[in-house]
Amino acid sequence: MLVGLYSAATGLEAAERMHEVIAENLAHASVPGYRATVVSHETFENAYLRQIEQPSPEGHGTHLAEYTTDHSNGPTSHTGRTLDVAFGGEGFFEVQGPSGPLYTRSGVFFLNDDGRLVNSEGMAVMGTGGPLVLPPNTSTVDVQIAPDGTVSAGEITVGQLNRVMFSDPRQLIRSGTTLFEAPAAVDAEPSDTLLIQG
């Protein structure tokens, strides 16, 4: 094999994948709660040498070593919607996924026909005691969400948003544009990060 051609081909492949990641990040840059994907490179030789004891003349080129998610805090902006909520720091909201809990930074919520608080995909937003359901005929303008996540409709307290955090959020698995799943060995911990309504 021509080492130079092989090295060039691996570089082209890595560049192509890098462009795909950049395009995805740009396409979702304005989506509330979206976490960008970050890519790190490594020479193929370094990866190869970790597997064997002797160097190889074919151990050249590059590849994408790791895909990680940037969970750093993003900017917040005022929307004026009472059902829009943002974290003032680290933390995730919990929603009821089809196969278990999912976690998101997106605090763009809605009321469905049953008065249930849901995300943009129709998944129930979880409170500390289960899904949050508002009284019948509640208007969204009457909904108040306190900094500690307490949700009330007028004088009626509905529950408290389940705010969680992870010791290492990089272990979360992406499960959609703004949703993440926790592996079996990773537990969510309660978060006391304050929320900002609207």
Foldseek 3Di string as FASTA:
>chain_A
DPLVVVQVVLVVVQVVVVVVQVVLCVVCVPPAQFWGKDWDKDFQQVVVCVVDPDGDPNSGHMHTDDIWTHQFDDDDDDDPFQQFKAFPGDWWWWWQDPVGIKTFRGRRWDQDQQQWIAHPVRTFTAFPVGGFHDDPPQDRVQWHAFQQQFIARPPGTGGGTFIWHWPDCRQWDDDDRGITDHPPVTDTHGDRTTMDGD
